[in-house]
Amino acid sequence: MFTLRPRVMLVIIAIMSMYVGICHSGVILITYFEAYAVFAPFQARCISAQTADRENNRWLVGTLSLRYENEVHVLQLGENSSELVCQGLYTHRDEIWDIAACPFNTSLFSTVYSRAGETGTAVWKIPESRGNKSVVLPVEVAASLSSVPQQWKCTLWWPSGQHPQVASIGTEKIVLWNVEFPQNMSQASAGGSNHLEVGSWDPHDFNNIATASEGSIQCWDLRTMSSSTKIDQAHVLQTRHIDFNPQKKHLIATAGDDSWIRIWDLRKPSSPLHNLLGHHHWTVRVKYNPKYEELILSSGTDAVVNLWRVIDGSLTKSPSGLPRGLEDSLLRSYTEHEDSVYGMLLL
């Protein structure tokens, strides 16, 4: 167990776990029907599950500070699910705006970072402790996309298997590159006045990535690095987040500054399948439950996390065992956060 420094001391409020959320003030909330919170002086916007660790529930959290040297925290849910343990703390000089754990190697992760107004993206290696766990070591650069100047937004790992390719989304282009040989890359331009903001890799078709540009959604074929399906005006204002349904092909969920969550079938992009309104300000994240496709989590700048049940008419029974209803419903709102919730994931 890592010995925490006083300025990142944990304050435990309650117990249990269903989702993990992180708000701008640095509060981490793990909740089921109760809350478990961690307070730190750092602001933070991003959190990522270490899915390469098959035995433990672990996450990476990146801090966002202009005044202090930033850090990457490795957090783990304790064996009895009643405590959150810091298993590692590493320095990362620049502000971390996006973090993504490697799906096959627990020592690797990517960040999008900001330095003096300029952004960069890189893959980092967590250093070995060398026996002294009280020493806070800096993360080590494993690969960098420094050769491509761009206002980077996020980096996505190949969705399955031990694959060295990642996709980095910038405001003006998508770059598919090889972590082992960063010079090997292919690019697609957003074109015109389109400014890409976020992306999601299709878990059913590895040649497909969906991106958001202002209020629209654009899909890209990575074989030709060209655009394919497009959803015009998915949201009236900026589309903030996209998530593919992990169980069913062609379905995505989107969140936008118009406060709506929408479910789309990419084969029928003219109108959404479902419209969900449960936030009072920008909706910045939406996430499918990895096991039960009918459960969706959303978060917003209103400091609220909502759990939804969205019933697809093609489903003949509820895998989660929830009672059937004719309408989509808001199952629960979690209001324990004190600030905007910019990052979340499901266990």
Protein backbone atom coordinates (compact mmCIF):
# COMPACT_ATOMS: atom_id res chain seq x y z
CA MET A 1 0.00 0.00 0.00
CA PHE A 2 1.32 3.44 -0.89
CA THR A 3 1.86 5.95 1.92
CA LEU A 4 -0.12 9.06 1.04
CA ARG A 5 1.40 12.48 1.53
CA PRO A 6 -0.59 14.81 3.81
CA ARG A 7 -1.85 17.04 1.01
CA VAL A 8 -3.61 14.12 -0.68
CA MET A 9 -5.08 12.60 2.49
CA LEU A 10 -8.29 10.64 1.93
CA VAL A 11 -11.53 11.44 3.73
CA ILE A 12 -13.94 8.49 3.76
CA ILE A 13 -17.65 9.28 3.90
CA ALA A 14 -19.40 5.95 3.28
CA ILE A 15 -19.17 2.61 1.47
CA MET A 16 -20.11 0.37 -1.47
CA SER A 17 -19.52 0.76 -5.21
CA MET A 18 -21.33 0.82 -8.50
CA TYR A 19 -19.78 3.69 -10.39
CA VAL A 20 -16.77 5.94 -9.98
CA GLY A 21 -17.08 9.64 -10.71
CA ILE A 22 -14.63 12.49 -10.48
CA CYS A 23 -15.57 16.14 -10.36
CA HIS A 24 -13.58 19.25 -11.13
CA SER A 25 -12.82 19.98 -7.47
CA GLY A 26 -10.91 16.70 -7.15
CA VAL A 27 -13.65 14.76 -5.37
CA ILE A 28 -13.80 11.08 -6.31
CA LEU A 29 -17.10 9.39 -5.62
CA ILE A 30 -17.67 5.65 -5.66
CA THR A 31 -21.28 4.86 -5.05
CA TYR A 32 -23.89 2.14 -5.17
CA PHE A 33 -26.71 3.40 -3.01
CA GLU A 34 -24.31 5.09 -0.67
CA ALA A 35 -21.32 7.36 -1.24
CA TYR A 36 -17.60 7.09 -0.77
CA ALA A 37 -15.65 10.28 -1.38
CA VAL A 38 -12.03 11.36 -1.58
CA PHE A 39 -11.07 15.00 -1.20
CA ALA A 40 -7.82 16.46 -2.48
CA PRO A 41 -6.60 20.02 -3.14
CA PHE A 42 -6.02 19.22 -6.81
CA GLN A 43 -8.62 19.69 -9.49
CA ALA A 44 -9.18 16.70 -11.76
CA ARG A 45 -11.22 16.00 -14.88
CA CYS A 46 -10.28 12.51 -16.01
CA ILE A 47 -10.34 8.95 -14.73
CA SER A 48 -9.67 5.64 -16.50
CA ALA A 49 -10.07 2.00 -15.46
CA GLN A 50 -7.01 -0.26 -15.59
CA THR A 51 -8.83 -3.06 -17.39
CA ALA A 52 -5.52 -4.89 -17.91
CA ASP A 53 -5.66 -5.75 -14.19
CA ARG A 54 -8.06 -8.71 -14.18
CA GLU A 55 -7.95 -9.23 -10.42
CA ASN A 56 -8.48 -5.76 -8.94
CA ASN A 57 -10.70 -2.73 -9.45
CA ARG A 58 -8.08 -0.09 -10.24
CA TRP A 59 -8.24 3.35 -11.82
CA LEU A 60 -5.89 6.07 -12.95
CA VAL A 61 -6.72 9.66 -12.04
CA GLY A 62 -4.87 12.63 -13.54
CA THR A 63 -4.72 16.03 -11.85
CA LEU A 64 -5.19 19.45 -13.40
CA SER A 65 -3.18 22.14 -11.65
CA LEU A 66 -1.54 25.32 -12.88
CA ARG A 67 0.27 25.97 -9.60
CA TYR A 68 1.61 22.54 -8.66
CA GLU A 69 3.39 19.71 -10.42
CA ASN A 70 0.63 17.39 -11.55
CA GLU A 71 0.23 13.77 -10.54
CA VAL A 72 -1.16 10.44 -11.65
CA HIS A 73 -2.85 8.48 -8.85
CA VAL A 74 -3.35 4.70 -9.02
CA LEU A 75 -6.41 3.95 -6.89
CA GLN A 76 -7.80 0.56 -5.92
CA LEU A 77 -10.97 -0.57 -4.22
CA GLY A 78 -10.10 -2.54 -1.09
CA GLU A 79 -10.85 -6.24 -0.72
CA ASN A 80 -13.95 -5.62 1.39
CA SER A 81 -15.14 -2.81 -0.94
CA SER A 82 -15.21 -0.40 2.00
CA GLU A 83 -12.05 1.59 1.41
CA LEU A 84 -10.20 3.27 -1.41
CA VAL A 85 -6.46 2.67 -1.39
CA CYS A 86 -3.79 4.63 -3.23
CA GLN A 87 -1.49 2.01 -4.77
CA GLY A 88 0.78 4.47 -6.53
CA LEU A 89 1.50 8.17 -6.96
CA TYR A 90 3.61 9.51 -9.82
CA THR A 91 4.49 12.99 -11.02
CA HIS A 92 3.38 14.25 -14.43
CA ARG A 93 4.58 17.81 -14.93
CA ASP A 94 1.81 19.15 -17.13
CA GLU A 95 -1.96 19.56 -16.72
CA ILE A 96 -3.78 16.32 -17.58
CA TRP A 97 -6.92 16.84 -19.66
CA ASP A 98 -7.41 13.24 -20.75
CA ILE A 99 -6.09 9.93 -19.45
CA ALA A 100 -6.56 6.40 -20.85
CA ALA A 101 -5.11 3.22 -19.37
CA CYS A 102 -3.65 0.65 -21.74
CA PRO A 103 -6.09 -2.30 -21.99
CA PHE A 104 -3.35 -4.96 -21.98
CA ASN A 105 -0.44 -3.54 -19.93
CA THR A 106 -0.96 -2.02 -16.47
CA SER A 107 2.27 -0.03 -16.68
CA LEU A 108 1.21 1.95 -19.77
CA PHE A 109 -1.27 4.80 -20.18
CA SER A 110 -1.80 7.82 -22.41
CA THR A 111 -2.53 11.44 -21.59
CA VAL A 112 -3.46 14.61 -23.38
CA TYR A 113 -1.65 17.37 -21.54
CA SER A 114 -1.34 21.14 -21.64
CA ARG A 115 1.86 23.12 -21.31
CA ALA A 116 1.97 26.92 -21.65
CA GLY A 117 -1.22 26.95 -23.69
CA GLU A 118 -0.08 24.19 -26.05
CA THR A 119 -1.36 20.62 -25.92
CA GLY A 120 0.46 17.35 -26.52
CA THR A 121 -0.32 13.66 -26.33
CA ALA A 122 1.96 10.83 -25.26
CA VAL A 123 2.03 7.28 -23.95
CA TRP A 124 3.70 6.94 -20.56
CA LYS A 125 5.24 4.12 -18.56
CA ILE A 126 4.74 3.78 -14.81
CA PRO A 127 8.24 3.36 -13.32
CA GLU A 128 9.21 0.53 -10.99
CA SER A 129 9.35 1.54 -7.33
CA ARG A 130 12.81 -0.03 -6.84
CA GLY A 131 11.87 -1.07 -3.31
CA ASN A 132 11.26 2.42 -1.88
CA LYS A 133 7.55 3.14 -2.17
CA SER A 134 7.81 6.42 -0.26
CA VAL A 135 9.66 8.05 -3.18
CA VAL A 136 7.36 9.69 -5.71
CA LEU A 137 8.79 9.00 -9.17
CA PRO A 138 7.97 10.75 -12.45
CA VAL A 139 6.24 8.83 -15.21
CA GLU A 140 8.45 7.95 -18.17
CA VAL A 141 7.72 8.76 -21.82
CA ALA A 142 7.16 5.56 -23.82
CA ALA A 143 6.01 7.21 -27.07
CA SER A 144 4.99 10.69 -28.16
CA LEU A 145 3.15 12.33 -31.03
CA SER A 146 5.23 15.49 -30.74
CA SER A 147 5.90 15.52 -34.49
CA VAL A 148 2.27 16.47 -35.22
CA PRO A 149 1.31 19.94 -33.94
CA GLN A 150 -2.35 19.90 -32.99
CA GLN A 151 -4.81 20.94 -30.31
CA TRP A 152 -5.29 17.42 -28.96
CA LYS A 153 -8.50 16.32 -27.25
CA CYS A 154 -8.18 12.60 -26.45
CA THR A 155 -6.28 9.41 -27.26
CA LEU A 156 -8.05 6.06 -27.74
CA TRP A 157 -6.50 2.61 -27.39
CA TRP A 158 -7.28 -0.17 -29.87
CA PRO A 159 -10.45 -1.76 -28.43
CA SER A 160 -9.30 -5.38 -28.11
CA GLY A 161 -6.18 -7.48 -27.73
CA GLN A 162 -2.54 -6.52 -27.47
CA HIS A 163 -2.45 -4.08 -30.34
CA PRO A 164 0.13 -1.26 -30.50
CA GLN A 165 -2.08 1.19 -32.42
CA VAL A 166 -3.83 4.14 -30.80
CA ALA A 167 -5.93 6.93 -32.27
CA SER A 168 -5.44 10.52 -31.19
CA ILE A 169 -8.23 13.03 -31.80
CA GLY A 170 -7.30 16.66 -32.40
CA THR A 171 -9.45 19.62 -33.30
CA GLU A 172 -8.44 19.37 -36.96
CA LYS A 173 -7.50 15.74 -37.53
CA ILE A 174 -7.50 12.11 -36.42
CA VAL A 175 -4.11 10.41 -36.26
CA LEU A 176 -3.80 6.62 -36.15
CA TRP A 177 -0.31 5.79 -34.91
CA ASN A 178 1.82 2.96 -33.58
CA VAL A 179 3.06 3.17 -29.99
CA GLU A 180 6.11 1.04 -30.82
CA PHE A 181 6.92 3.04 -33.98
CA PRO A 182 5.34 6.52 -33.57
CA GLN A 183 6.57 7.62 -36.99
CA ASN A 184 4.21 5.07 -38.58
CA MET A 185 0.94 6.96 -38.79
CA SER A 186 -2.02 7.80 -40.98
CA GLN A 187 -4.18 10.90 -40.73
CA ALA A 188 -7.66 12.12 -41.56
CA SER A 189 -8.53 15.80 -41.72
CA ALA A 190 -11.72 17.12 -40.12
CA GLY A 191 -11.98 19.56 -43.00
CA GLY A 192 -13.24 23.12 -43.19
CA SER A 193 -14.45 24.74 -40.01
CA ASN A 194 -15.16 21.42 -38.26
CA HIS A 195 -13.43 21.21 -34.89
CA LEU A 196 -13.36 17.73 -33.39
CA GLU A 197 -13.90 17.59 -29.63
CA VAL A 198 -14.14 13.94 -28.59
CA GLY A 199 -14.09 10.42 -30.02
CA SER A 200 -15.10 6.82 -29.32
CA TRP A 201 -13.81 3.60 -30.88
CA ASP A 202 -16.43 1.10 -32.04
CA PRO A 203 -15.96 -2.15 -30.03
CA HIS A 204 -17.78 -4.16 -32.73
CA ASP A 205 -16.00 -2.76 -35.80
CA PHE A 206 -12.39 -1.80 -35.14
CA ASN A 207 -12.28 0.13 -38.42
CA ASN A 208 -14.84 2.62 -37.15
CA ILE A 209 -14.36 5.65 -34.89
CA ALA A 210 -17.07 8.18 -34.06
CA THR A 211 -16.18 11.81 -33.35
CA ALA A 212 -18.10 14.89 -32.30
CA SER A 213 -17.78 18.25 -34.02
CA GLU A 214 -19.88 21.01 -32.51
CA GLY A 215 -23.40 19.50 -32.47
CA SER A 216 -22.77 16.80 -35.08
CA ILE A 217 -21.47 13.21 -35.00
CA GLN A 218 -19.14 11.90 -37.70
CA CYS A 219 -17.99 8.29 -38.20
CA TRP A 220 -14.64 7.52 -39.83
CA ASP A 221 -13.43 4.44 -41.71
CA LEU A 222 -9.86 3.88 -40.54
CA ARG A 223 -9.01 1.75 -43.57
CA THR A 224 -9.36 4.74 -45.86
CA MET A 225 -9.19 7.49 -43.19
CA SER A 226 -12.35 8.96 -44.69
CA SER A 227 -15.71 9.96 -43.24
CA SER A 228 -18.74 7.71 -43.51
CA THR A 229 -21.95 8.07 -41.49
CA LYS A 230 -22.89 11.50 -40.20
CA ILE A 231 -25.54 12.68 -37.75
CA ASP A 232 -26.27 16.34 -38.35
CA GLN A 233 -27.42 18.34 -35.35
CA ALA A 234 -27.24 15.48 -32.86
CA HIS A 235 -27.43 18.22 -30.25
CA VAL A 236 -28.42 21.87 -30.57
CA LEU A 237 -25.21 22.90 -28.83
CA GLN A 238 -21.82 21.17 -28.47
CA THR A 239 -21.80 17.36 -28.35
CA ARG A 240 -19.66 16.55 -25.33
CA HIS A 241 -19.38 12.78 -25.28
CA ILE A 242 -20.04 9.59 -27.26
CA ASP A 243 -20.24 5.97 -26.11
CA PHE A 244 -20.89 2.83 -28.16
CA ASN A 245 -23.31 0.22 -26.86
CA PRO A 246 -20.96 -2.61 -25.76
CA GLN A 247 -23.53 -5.33 -26.50
CA LYS A 248 -25.27 -4.20 -29.68
CA LYS A 249 -23.84 -3.02 -32.97
CA HIS A 250 -24.63 0.38 -34.50
CA LEU A 251 -25.99 1.95 -31.29
CA ILE A 252 -24.39 4.98 -29.64
CA ALA A 253 -25.27 7.30 -26.78
CA THR A 254 -24.42 11.01 -26.95
CA ALA A 255 -24.39 13.83 -24.41
CA GLY A 256 -24.53 17.53 -25.16
CA ASP A 257 -24.52 21.07 -23.85
CA ASP A 258 -28.26 21.21 -24.52
CA SER A 259 -28.65 18.96 -21.41
CA TRP A 260 -29.95 15.99 -23.44
CA ILE A 261 -28.76 12.40 -23.64
CA ARG A 262 -29.69 10.76 -26.93
CA ILE A 263 -29.50 7.18 -28.23
CA TRP A 264 -28.88 6.70 -31.96
CA ASP A 265 -28.88 3.88 -34.49
CA LEU A 266 -26.09 4.72 -36.94
CA ARG A 267 -28.03 2.97 -39.70
CA LYS A 268 -30.89 5.45 -39.21
CA PRO A 269 -29.16 8.74 -38.36
CA SER A 270 -32.07 11.04 -39.18
CA SER A 271 -33.63 10.89 -35.70
CA PRO A 272 -32.70 9.51 -32.25
CA LEU A 273 -34.20 6.34 -30.83
CA HIS A 274 -34.42 7.83 -27.33
CA ASN A 275 -34.26 11.30 -25.77
CA LEU A 276 -33.41 11.63 -22.08
CA LEU A 277 -33.52 14.90 -20.14
CA GLY A 278 -32.38 14.82 -16.54
CA HIS A 279 -29.69 17.48 -16.12
CA HIS A 280 -30.11 21.19 -15.49
CA HIS A 281 -26.92 22.27 -17.23
CA TRP A 282 -24.43 20.78 -19.70
CA THR A 283 -24.38 16.98 -19.90
CA VAL A 284 -20.69 16.15 -20.31
CA ARG A 285 -20.48 12.35 -19.99
CA VAL A 286 -22.60 9.35 -20.92
CA LYS A 287 -21.65 5.71 -20.39
CA TYR A 288 -23.27 2.35 -21.04
CA ASN A 289 -23.11 -0.31 -18.35
CA PRO A 290 -20.62 -2.89 -19.76
CA LYS A 291 -22.84 -5.83 -18.76
CA TYR A 292 -26.41 -4.53 -18.92
CA GLU A 293 -27.00 -2.48 -22.05
CA GLU A 294 -30.28 -1.03 -20.78
CA LEU A 295 -28.47 0.84 -17.97
CA ILE A 296 -26.85 4.16 -18.85
CA LEU A 297 -25.00 6.62 -16.63
CA SER A 298 -24.74 10.34 -17.33
CA SER A 299 -23.05 13.26 -15.58
CA GLY A 300 -23.09 17.00 -15.95
CA THR A 301 -21.92 20.40 -14.83
CA ASP A 302 -24.93 20.49 -12.50
CA ALA A 303 -22.90 18.17 -10.20
CA VAL A 304 -25.41 15.35 -10.74
CA VAL A 305 -24.90 11.76 -11.92
CA ASN A 306 -28.01 10.05 -13.30
CA LEU A 307 -28.66 6.34 -13.72
CA TRP A 308 -31.10 5.57 -16.55
CA ARG A 309 -32.96 2.53 -17.77
CA VAL A 310 -33.43 2.66 -21.54
CA ILE A 311 -35.59 -0.10 -22.96
CA ASP A 312 -34.93 -1.22 -26.52
CA GLY A 313 -38.08 -2.56 -28.13
CA SER A 314 -36.13 -5.50 -29.54
CA LEU A 315 -35.26 -6.78 -26.06
CA THR A 316 -37.50 -9.64 -24.98
CA LYS A 317 -36.38 -9.67 -21.37
CA SER A 318 -34.41 -7.55 -18.96
CA PRO A 319 -30.90 -9.02 -18.42
CA SER A 320 -30.45 -7.03 -15.23
CA GLY A 321 -33.66 -8.36 -13.73
CA LEU A 322 -35.21 -4.91 -13.48
CA PRO A 323 -39.00 -4.76 -13.86
CA ARG A 324 -40.23 -3.88 -17.31
CA GLY A 325 -41.78 -0.51 -18.08
CA LEU A 326 -43.21 1.01 -21.23
CA GLU A 327 -41.19 4.19 -20.88
CA ASP A 328 -37.51 4.98 -20.42
CA SER A 329 -36.96 6.03 -16.85
CA LEU A 330 -34.56 7.82 -14.54
CA LEU A 331 -33.78 5.22 -11.88
CA ARG A 332 -31.72 7.37 -9.54
CA SER A 333 -29.92 10.70 -9.27
CA TYR A 334 -26.69 10.92 -7.29
CA THR A 335 -26.20 14.42 -5.90
CA GLU A 336 -23.27 13.90 -3.50
CA HIS A 337 -20.80 15.83 -5.66
CA GLU A 338 -20.06 19.47 -4.93
CA ASP A 339 -18.89 20.43 -8.41
CA SER A 340 -19.19 19.50 -12.09
CA VAL A 341 -18.68 15.79 -12.80
CA TYR A 342 -16.36 15.54 -15.82
CA GLY A 343 -15.24 11.93 -15.56
CA MET A 344 -16.88 8.65 -14.61
CA LEU A 345 -16.78 4.93 -15.24
CA LEU A 346 -18.74 1.84 -14.27
CA LEU A 347 -17.47 -1.16 -12.36
